[in-house]
C-alpha atoms as a PDB file:
ATOM      1  CA  MET A   1      10.266  12.518  45.167  1.00  0.00           C
ATOM      2  CA  THR A   2      11.225  11.800  41.550  1.00  0.00           C
ATOM      3  CA  THR A   3      12.144   8.783  39.498  1.00  0.00           C
ATOM      4  CA  THR A   4      14.259   8.448  36.355  1.00  0.00           C
ATOM      5  CA  VAL A   5      12.182   7.404  33.336  1.00  0.00           C
ATOM      6  CA  THR A   6      13.668   6.284  30.031  1.00  0.00           C
ATOM      7  CA  THR A   7      11.429   6.571  26.965  1.00  0.00           C
ATOM      8  CA  TRP A   8      12.205   4.741  23.742  1.00  0.00           C
ATOM      9  CA  TYR A   9      10.696   5.747  20.400  1.00  0.00           C
ATOM     10  CA  LEU A  10      10.486   2.868  17.935  1.00  0.00           C
ATOM     11  CA  GLU A  11       9.413   2.542  14.332  1.00  0.00           C
ATOM     12  CA  GLN A  12       8.963   0.330  11.314  1.00  0.00           C
ATOM     13  CA  THR A  13       9.311   1.923   7.886  1.00  0.00           C
ATOM     14  CA  ALA A  14       8.080  -0.972   5.741  1.00  0.00           C
ATOM     15  CA  ALA A  15       5.464  -3.669   6.207  1.00  0.00           C
ATOM     16  CA  THR A  16       8.226  -6.227   5.660  1.00  0.00           C
ATOM     17  CA  ASP A  17       9.860  -5.053   8.926  1.00  0.00           C
ATOM     18  CA  LEU A  18       7.175  -6.947  10.861  1.00  0.00           C
ATOM     19  CA  SER A  19       8.403 -10.211  12.333  1.00  0.00           C
ATOM     20  CA  PRO A  20       5.175 -11.855  13.528  1.00  0.00           C
ATOM     21  CA  ALA A  21       5.009 -13.899  16.702  1.00  0.00           C
ATOM     22  CA  ARG A  22       3.510 -17.349  16.648  1.00  0.00           C
ATOM     23  CA  PRO A  23      -0.151 -17.371  17.604  1.00  0.00           C
ATOM     24  CA  PRO A  24      -0.954 -18.913  20.998  1.00  0.00           C
ATOM     25  CA  GLY A  25      -1.343 -22.682  20.883  1.00  0.00           C
ATOM     26  CA  THR A  26      -4.327 -24.477  19.405  1.00  0.00           C
ATOM     27  CA  GLY A  27      -7.155 -24.637  21.875  1.00  0.00           C
ATOM     28  CA  SER A  28      -6.074 -21.438  23.661  1.00  0.00           C
ATOM     29  CA  GLY A  29      -9.298 -19.735  22.614  1.00  0.00           C
ATOM     30  CA  VAL A  30      -7.415 -16.503  21.792  1.00  0.00           C
ATOM     31  CA  GLN A  31      -8.955 -14.334  19.084  1.00  0.00           C
ATOM     32  CA  VAL A  32      -8.240 -10.755  18.024  1.00  0.00           C
ATOM     33  CA  ALA A  33     -11.071  -8.616  16.669  1.00  0.00           C
ATOM     34  CA  ARG A  34     -11.572  -4.977  15.787  1.00  0.00           C
ATOM     35  CA  ALA A  35     -14.003  -2.995  17.917  1.00  0.00           C
ATOM     36  CA  GLY A  36     -16.116  -1.891  14.955  1.00  0.00           C
ATOM     37  CA  VAL A  37     -18.154   0.650  16.898  1.00  0.00           C
ATOM     38  CA  PRO A  38     -16.239   3.435  18.695  1.00  0.00           C
ATOM     39  CA  SER A  39     -17.061   2.919  22.380  1.00  0.00           C
ATOM     40  CA  PRO A  40     -15.742   5.261  25.071  1.00  0.00           C
ATOM     41  CA  GLU A  41     -16.879   2.789  27.732  1.00  0.00           C
ATOM     42  CA  LEU A  42     -14.924  -0.109  26.212  1.00  0.00           C
ATOM     43  CA  SER A  43     -11.833   1.961  25.482  1.00  0.00           C
ATOM     44  CA  ARG A  44     -11.734   3.489  28.953  1.00  0.00           C
ATOM     45  CA  PHE A  45     -12.160   0.036  30.503  1.00  0.00           C
ATOM     46  CA  LEU A  46      -9.247  -1.336  28.460  1.00  0.00           C
ATOM     47  CA  TYR A  47      -7.088   1.721  29.186  1.00  0.00           C
ATOM     48  CA  THR A  48      -7.559   1.490  32.958  1.00  0.00           C
ATOM     49  CA  ALA A  49      -7.473  -2.312  33.182  1.00  0.00           C
ATOM     50  CA  VAL A  50      -4.229  -2.597  31.182  1.00  0.00           C
ATOM     51  CA  GLY A  51      -2.536   0.566  32.379  1.00  0.00           C
ATOM     52  CA  GLY A  52      -3.589   0.636  36.026  1.00  0.00           C
ATOM     53  CA  ASP A  53      -0.431  -1.017  37.302  1.00  0.00           C
ATOM     54  CA  ASN A  54       1.793   0.726  34.740  1.00  0.00           C
ATOM     55  CA  ALA A  55       0.970   4.297  35.817  1.00  0.00           C
ATOM     56  CA  TRP A  56      -1.097   5.176  32.754  1.00  0.00           C
ATOM     57  CA  ILE A  57      -2.746   8.356  33.975  1.00  0.00           C
ATOM     58  CA  ASP A  58      -2.822  10.801  31.036  1.00  0.00           C
ATOM     59  CA  ARG A  59      -6.384   9.876  29.970  1.00  0.00           C
ATOM     60  CA  LEU A  60      -7.951   9.377  33.397  1.00  0.00           C
ATOM     61  CA  GLY A  61      -9.375  12.890  33.308  1.00  0.00           C
ATOM     62  CA  TRP A  62     -10.854  12.589  29.822  1.00  0.00           C
ATOM     63  CA  SER A  63     -14.576  13.267  29.616  1.00  0.00           C
ATOM     64  CA  TYR A  64     -16.937  11.031  27.690  1.00  0.00           C
ATOM     65  CA  ALA A  65     -16.961  13.637  24.906  1.00  0.00           C
ATOM     66  CA  GLN A  66     -13.147  13.593  24.680  1.00  0.00           C
ATOM     67  CA  TRP A  67     -13.108   9.799  24.376  1.00  0.00           C
ATOM     68  CA  GLN A  68     -15.864   9.948  21.771  1.00  0.00           C
ATOM     69  CA  ALA A  69     -14.097  12.646  19.726  1.00  0.00           C
ATOM     70  CA  PHE A  70     -10.807  10.734  19.695  1.00  0.00           C
ATOM     71  CA  LEU A  71     -12.335   7.337  18.893  1.00  0.00           C
ATOM     72  CA  GLY A  72     -14.563   8.825  16.194  1.00  0.00           C
ATOM     73  CA  ARG A  73     -11.671  10.169  14.122  1.00  0.00           C
ATOM     74  CA  PRO A  74     -11.134   8.399  10.779  1.00  0.00           C
ATOM     75  CA  GLY A  75      -8.196   6.025  11.086  1.00  0.00           C
ATOM     76  CA  VAL A  76      -8.474   5.440  14.831  1.00  0.00           C
ATOM     77  CA  GLU A  77      -8.970   1.746  15.572  1.00  0.00           C
ATOM     78  CA  THR A  78      -9.043  -0.509  18.617  1.00  0.00           C
ATOM     79  CA  TRP A  79      -8.185  -4.197  18.251  1.00  0.00           C
ATOM     80  CA  VAL A  80      -9.034  -6.399  21.224  1.00  0.00           C
ATOM     81  CA  ALA A  81      -7.610  -9.799  22.139  1.00  0.00           C
ATOM     82  CA  TYR A  82     -10.100 -12.175  23.730  1.00  0.00           C
ATOM     83  CA  GLU A  83      -9.456 -15.447  25.475  1.00  0.00           C
ATOM     84  CA  ALA A  84     -12.544 -17.632  25.743  1.00  0.00           C
ATOM     85  CA  GLY A  85     -14.670 -14.522  25.188  1.00  0.00           C
ATOM     86  CA  THR A  86     -12.942 -12.457  27.895  1.00  0.00           C
ATOM     87  CA  PRO A  87     -11.034  -9.267  26.974  1.00  0.00           C
ATOM     88  CA  ALA A  88      -7.332  -9.996  27.476  1.00  0.00           C
ATOM     89  CA  GLY A  89      -5.701  -6.872  26.030  1.00  0.00           C
ATOM     90  CA  TYR A  90      -5.783  -4.362  23.232  1.00  0.00           C
ATOM     91  CA  VAL A  91      -3.880  -2.293  20.724  1.00  0.00           C
ATOM     92  CA  GLU A  92      -5.106   1.170  19.771  1.00  0.00           C
ATOM     93  CA  MET A  93      -3.838   2.995  16.696  1.00  0.00           C
ATOM     94  CA  ALA A  94      -4.265   6.444  15.196  1.00  0.00           C
ATOM     95  CA  ASN A  95      -3.089   7.765  11.844  1.00  0.00           C
ATOM     96  CA  THR A  96      -1.724  11.146  10.846  1.00  0.00           C
ATOM     97  CA  PRO A  97      -2.283  12.805   7.454  1.00  0.00           C
ATOM     98  CA  ASP A  98       1.270  12.024   6.321  1.00  0.00           C
ATOM     99  CA  GLY A  99       0.751   8.253   6.468  1.00  0.00           C
ATOM    100  CA  SER A 100       2.256   7.644   9.906  1.00  0.00           C
ATOM    101  CA  VAL A 101       0.309   5.340  12.205  1.00  0.00           C
ATOM    102  CA  GLU A 102       1.016   5.506  15.922  1.00  0.00           C
ATOM    103  CA  LEU A 103       0.281   2.545  18.154  1.00  0.00           C
ATOM    104  CA  THR A 104      -1.053   4.836  20.865  1.00  0.00           C
ATOM    105  CA  TYR A 105      -1.680   2.088  23.441  1.00  0.00           C
ATOM    106  CA  PHE A 106      -0.911  -1.607  23.669  1.00  0.00           C
ATOM    107  CA  GLY A 107      -0.960  -4.103  26.498  1.00  0.00           C
ATOM    108  CA  LEU A 108      -2.585  -6.963  28.334  1.00  0.00           C
ATOM    109  CA  LEU A 109      -4.668  -7.163  31.472  1.00  0.00           C
ATOM    110  CA  PRO A 110      -2.492  -8.526  34.307  1.00  0.00           C
ATOM    111  CA  ALA A 111      -4.080 -12.010  34.372  1.00  0.00           C
ATOM    112  CA  PHE A 112      -3.158 -12.596  30.703  1.00  0.00           C
ATOM    113  CA  ARG A 113       0.504 -11.564  30.751  1.00  0.00           C
ATOM    114  CA  GLY A 114       3.353 -14.017  30.252  1.00  0.00           C
ATOM    115  CA  ARG A 115       1.351 -16.491  28.158  1.00  0.00           C
ATOM    116  CA  GLY A 116       2.317 -15.572  24.586  1.00  0.00           C
ATOM    117  CA  ILE A 117      -0.777 -13.482  23.919  1.00  0.00           C
ATOM    118  CA  GLY A 118       1.079 -10.142  23.789  1.00  0.00           C
ATOM    119  CA  GLY A 119       3.399 -11.038  20.924  1.00  0.00           C
ATOM    120  CA  HIS A 120       0.465 -12.326  18.884  1.00  0.00           C
ATOM    121  CA  LEU A 121      -1.721  -9.286  19.648  1.00  0.00           C
ATOM    122  CA  LEU A 122       1.114  -6.914  18.748  1.00  0.00           C
ATOM    123  CA  SER A 123       1.722  -8.803  15.487  1.00  0.00           C
ATOM    124  CA  VAL A 124      -1.933  -8.511  14.513  1.00  0.00           C
ATOM    125  CA  GLY A 125      -2.047  -4.845  15.515  1.00  0.00           C
ATOM    126  CA  VAL A 126       1.044  -3.912  13.526  1.00  0.00           C
ATOM    127  CA  ALA A 127      -0.229  -5.777  10.453  1.00  0.00           C
ATOM    128  CA  ARG A 128      -3.532  -3.881  10.758  1.00  0.00           C
ATOM    129  CA  ALA A 129      -1.629  -0.579  11.087  1.00  0.00           C
ATOM    130  CA  TRP A 130       0.140  -1.336   7.793  1.00  0.00           C
ATOM    131  CA  ASP A 131      -3.151  -1.997   5.972  1.00  0.00           C
ATOM    132  CA  LEU A 132      -5.152   0.747   7.746  1.00  0.00           C
ATOM    133  CA  ALA A 133      -5.831   2.693   4.521  1.00  0.00           C
ATOM    134  CA  GLN A 134      -7.581  -0.354   3.045  1.00  0.00           C
ATOM    135  CA  ARG A 135     -10.304   0.076   5.678  1.00  0.00           C
ATOM    136  CA  TRP A 136     -10.295   3.881   5.482  1.00  0.00           C
ATOM    137  CA  PRO A 137     -10.187   4.778   1.755  1.00  0.00           C
ATOM    138  CA  ASN A 138      -9.655   8.512   2.308  1.00  0.00           C
ATOM    139  CA  LEU A 139      -6.424   7.975   4.270  1.00  0.00           C
ATOM    140  CA  ALA A 140      -2.931   8.054   2.843  1.00  0.00           C
ATOM    141  CA  PRO A 141      -1.305   4.618   2.672  1.00  0.00           C
ATOM    142  CA  THR A 142       0.733   3.783   5.746  1.00  0.00           C
ATOM    143  CA  ARG A 143       4.405   4.609   5.281  1.00  0.00           C
ATOM    144  CA  ARG A 144       5.519   4.268   8.899  1.00  0.00           C
ATOM    145  CA  VAL A 145       4.288   2.608  12.100  1.00  0.00           C
ATOM    146  CA  TRP A 146       5.675   3.959  15.344  1.00  0.00           C
ATOM    147  CA  LEU A 147       5.199   3.882  19.099  1.00  0.00           C
ATOM    148  CA  GLN A 148       6.806   4.819  22.341  1.00  0.00           C
ATOM    149  CA  THR A 149       7.403   2.773  25.452  1.00  0.00           C
ATOM    150  CA  CYS A 150       9.096   3.646  28.693  1.00  0.00           C
ATOM    151  CA  SER A 151      10.714   2.120  31.725  1.00  0.00           C
ATOM    152  CA  LYS A 152       7.371   2.429  33.582  1.00  0.00           C
ATOM    153  CA  ASP A 153       5.794  -0.092  31.184  1.00  0.00           C
ATOM    154  CA  GLY A 154       5.997  -3.838  31.664  1.00  0.00           C
ATOM    155  CA  PRO A 155       9.481  -5.376  31.886  1.00  0.00           C
ATOM    156  CA  TYR A 156       9.105  -7.221  28.556  1.00  0.00           C
ATOM    157  CA  ALA A 157       7.567  -4.403  26.500  1.00  0.00           C
ATOM    158  CA  LEU A 158      10.734  -3.125  24.809  1.00  0.00           C
ATOM    159  CA  ASP A 159      11.937  -6.636  23.938  1.00  0.00           C
ATOM    160  CA  ASN A 160       8.528  -7.541  22.488  1.00  0.00           C
ATOM    161  CA  TYR A 161       8.608  -4.480  20.214  1.00  0.00           C
ATOM    162  CA  ARG A 162      12.142  -5.272  19.060  1.00  0.00           C
ATOM    163  CA  ARG A 163      11.255  -8.919  18.373  1.00  0.00           C
ATOM    164  CA  ARG A 164       8.364  -7.742  16.199  1.00  0.00           C
ATOM    165  CA  GLY A 165      10.813  -5.748  14.032  1.00  0.00           C
ATOM    166  CA  PHE A 166      10.717  -2.270  15.552  1.00  0.00           C
ATOM    167  CA  GLY A 167      13.942  -0.265  15.726  1.00  0.00           C
ATOM    168  CA  VAL A 168      14.718   2.447  18.277  1.00  0.00           C
ATOM    169  CA  TYR A 169      15.172   5.853  16.646  1.00  0.00           C
ATOM    170  CA  LYS A 170      15.243   8.066  19.755  1.00  0.00           C
ATOM    171  CA  THR A 171      15.790   7.644  23.495  1.00  0.00           C
ATOM    172  CA  LEU A 172      15.018  10.229  26.175  1.00  0.00           C
ATOM    173  CA  THR A 173      15.726  10.146  29.896  1.00  0.00           C
ATOM    174  CA  THR A 174      13.773  12.436  32.223  1.00  0.00           C
ATOM    175  CA  GLU A 175      13.065  12.896  35.900  1.00  0.00           C
ATOM    176  CA  GLU A 176       9.379  12.565  36.725  1.00  0.00           C
ATOM    177  CA  PRO A 177       7.334  12.639  39.918  1.00  0.00           C
ATOM    178  CA  GLU A 178       7.084   9.228  41.566  1.00  0.00           C
ATOM    179  CA  PRO A 179       4.101   7.550  39.854  1.00  0.00           C
ATOM    180  CA  VAL A 180       0.913   6.776  41.687  1.00  0.00           C
ATOM    181  CA  ASN A 181      -0.589   3.530  40.452  1.00  0.00           C
ATOM    182  CA  PRO A 182      -4.337   4.170  40.375  1.00  0.00           C
ATOM    183  CA  GLY A 183      -5.320   0.727  39.095  1.00  0.00           C
ATOM    184  CA  PRO A 184      -8.468   0.125  37.080  1.00  0.00           C
ATOM    185  CA  TRP A 185     -10.518   2.197  39.525  1.00  0.00           C
ATOM    186  CA  ALA A 186      -8.705   5.322  40.613  1.00  0.00           C
ATOM    187  CA  GLY A 187      -8.239   5.242  44.376  1.00  0.00           C
ATOM    188  CA  ALA A 188      -9.386   1.633  44.746  1.00  0.00           C
ATOM    189  CA  TYR A 189      -6.632  -0.526  43.265  1.00  0.00           C
ATOM    190  CA  GLU A 190      -5.481  -3.555  45.164  1.00  0.00           C
ATOM    191  CA  ALA A 191      -3.016  -5.980  43.622  1.00  0.00           C
ATOM    192  CA  PRO A 192      -4.362  -9.521  43.281  1.00  0.00           C
ATOM    193  CA  THR A 193      -3.115 -11.852  45.972  1.00  0.00           C
ATOM    194  CA  SER A 194      -2.326 -15.489  45.441  1.00  0.00           C
ATOM    195  CA  ALA A 195      -4.060 -18.038  47.615  1.00  0.00           C
END
């Protein structure tokens, strides 16, 4: 069985393209901080916790060494949103030698969606992508920030990217096998139930 998947490629070509979201309200306890030490354990946790119900499966088979090699590259950064000290979501970015920075992953854990945290986290992440070379002096200055999202991602993802100033430069439609949602723990995901 297959499903039709639409993938949108979006970009900003100047730092002034960014249209920041308002930060969550005072007293929300939301903070965004860079994970200063590359940590395969943290990154894999964020990847599975955010992507488990969005069919993120491409990195599930990565070994510890693969995670470590990717995260240890100059210009790869992970920025984590916390609410009251609890990880709420993340944005991961990676540069290329030509000055392009890809937002490789972005999203929130299910319990933190729909509360204004995503727009703020994306705003911070994009701003940090534009000034990436200031933290990595051997990198070329950022000339473009780009990402891709698809119809398997959350229902508000594309609109959030557009509101932050990204423009679509390519759209692809493909037929893919019906996704299996592995959840944070492959083979053990159960959707939260309300009481």
